């Protein structure tokens, strides 16, 4: 195997890793946003008019002008969405571990 071949393999490996990370981050962001939106739709009527758009939740949490009831509700929604993302990551990690444990290892020798 030449150094040129090693470079191609390394480049392909890095591309696949970055591509997989991008897809994973996008899917987890979809889960997070979906849960935030669902929680905000169930908001109590006393704060429903004050609710920010999905993109402005963090701004509302950091704003001193937000009411304490709104901040508590948004913190709870943020916590639940983040918790669900971590559960999804745990499920993916367990599935990956199972696949790795039951996949036979096949290592070949590198010919020079």
Protein backbone atom coordinates (compact mmCIF):
# COMPACT_ATOMS: atom_id res chain seq x y z
CA UNK A 1 0.00 0.00 0.00
CA UNK A 2 1.48 3.33 -1.00
CA UNK A 3 1.39 6.58 0.92
CA UNK A 4 -1.04 7.90 -1.68
CA UNK A 5 -3.46 5.08 -0.86
CA UNK A 6 -3.14 5.81 2.83
CA UNK A 7 -4.02 9.44 2.18
CA UNK A 8 -7.12 8.43 0.23
CA UNK A 9 -8.23 6.08 2.99
CA UNK A 10 -7.58 8.68 5.69
CA UNK A 11 -9.46 11.36 3.75
CA UNK A 12 -12.41 9.04 3.14
CA UNK A 13 -12.48 8.05 6.81
CA UNK A 14 -12.47 11.69 7.96
CA UNK A 15 -15.18 12.63 5.45
CA UNK A 16 -17.43 9.81 6.65
CA UNK A 17 -16.89 10.74 10.29
CA UNK A 18 -17.73 14.41 9.70
CA UNK A 19 -20.72 13.50 7.55
CA UNK A 20 -22.06 11.15 10.24
CA UNK A 21 -21.56 13.76 12.94
CA UNK A 22 -23.44 16.34 10.87
CA UNK A 23 -26.35 13.98 10.27
CA UNK A 24 -26.44 13.03 13.96
CA UNK A 25 -26.40 16.65 15.11
CA UNK A 26 -29.17 17.53 12.67
CA UNK A 27 -31.37 14.63 13.85
CA UNK A 28 -30.84 15.48 17.51
CA UNK A 29 -31.66 19.14 16.78
CA UNK A 30 -34.90 18.01 15.14
CA UNK A 31 -35.80 16.02 18.26
CA UNK A 32 -34.95 18.97 20.52
CA UNK A 33 -36.93 21.53 18.49
CA UNK A 34 -39.92 19.20 18.12
CA UNK A 35 -40.09 18.69 21.88
CA UNK A 36 -39.73 22.41 22.62
CA UNK A 37 -42.55 23.23 20.18
CA UNK A 38 -44.80 20.52 21.61
CA UNK A 39 -44.18 21.75 25.16
CA UNK A 40 -44.85 25.37 24.18
CA UNK A 41 -48.18 24.37 22.63
CA UNK A 42 -49.19 23.03 26.07
CA UNK A 43 -48.27 26.25 27.89
CA UNK A 44 -50.65 27.60 30.51
CA UNK A 45 -52.99 30.32 29.27
CA UNK A 46 -51.49 32.84 31.72
CA UNK A 47 -48.17 32.90 29.81
CA UNK A 48 -49.31 31.82 26.35
CA UNK A 49 -49.27 35.40 25.02
CA UNK A 50 -45.70 35.93 26.29
CA UNK A 51 -44.22 32.83 24.66
CA UNK A 52 -41.34 33.57 22.30
CA UNK A 53 -40.83 31.88 18.96
CA UNK A 54 -38.80 28.68 19.02
CA UNK A 55 -35.66 30.52 17.89
CA UNK A 56 -35.94 33.03 20.74
CA UNK A 57 -36.28 30.65 23.72
CA UNK A 58 -32.67 31.15 24.85
CA UNK A 59 -33.02 34.94 24.48
CA UNK A 60 -36.16 34.87 26.63
CA UNK A 61 -34.37 32.78 29.27
CA UNK A 62 -31.52 35.30 29.40
CA UNK A 63 -33.75 38.37 29.35
CA UNK A 64 -34.41 40.17 32.62
CA UNK A 65 -37.73 41.44 31.23
CA UNK A 66 -39.32 37.96 31.11
CA UNK A 67 -41.77 37.08 33.86
CA UNK A 68 -40.68 34.50 36.42
CA UNK A 69 -43.56 32.17 35.45
CA UNK A 70 -42.46 32.28 31.79
CA UNK A 71 -38.82 31.65 32.73
CA UNK A 72 -39.76 28.67 34.92
CA UNK A 73 -41.90 27.20 32.14
CA UNK A 74 -39.18 27.67 29.50
CA UNK A 75 -36.53 26.18 31.80
CA UNK A 76 -38.72 23.12 32.28
CA UNK A 77 -39.31 22.79 28.55
CA UNK A 78 -35.59 23.21 27.85
CA UNK A 79 -34.73 20.61 30.51
CA UNK A 80 -37.21 18.06 29.14
CA UNK A 81 -36.00 18.52 25.56
CA UNK A 82 -32.33 18.25 26.57
CA UNK A 83 -33.09 15.19 28.70
CA UNK A 84 -34.80 13.51 25.74
CA UNK A 85 -31.80 14.23 23.50
CA UNK A 86 -29.50 12.57 26.05
CA UNK A 87 -31.81 9.56 26.22
CA UNK A 88 -31.68 9.32 22.41
CA UNK A 89 -27.86 9.49 22.55
CA UNK A 90 -27.81 6.72 25.16
CA UNK A 91 -30.00 4.52 22.95
CA UNK A 92 -27.71 5.11 19.98
CA UNK A 93 -24.64 4.30 22.13
CA UNK A 94 -26.19 1.03 23.35
CA UNK A 95 -27.15 0.02 19.80
CA UNK A 96 -23.63 0.82 18.61
CA UNK A 97 -22.13 -1.21 21.45
CA UNK A 98 -24.35 -4.20 20.61
CA UNK A 99 -23.37 -4.01 16.95
CA UNK A 100 -19.68 -3.85 17.86
CA UNK A 101 -19.92 -6.76 20.29
CA UNK A 102 -21.62 -9.06 17.79
CA UNK A 103 -19.64 -8.10 14.70
CA UNK A 104 -16.72 -10.43 14.13
CA UNK A 105 -13.39 -8.65 13.95
CA UNK A 106 -11.56 -9.11 10.69
CA UNK A 107 -8.14 -7.62 10.64
CA UNK A 108 -5.91 -8.15 7.68
CA UNK A 109 -2.25 -7.46 7.33
CA UNK A 110 -1.08 -4.45 5.40
CA UNK A 111 1.19 -5.36 2.52
CA UNK A 112 4.00 -3.00 1.71
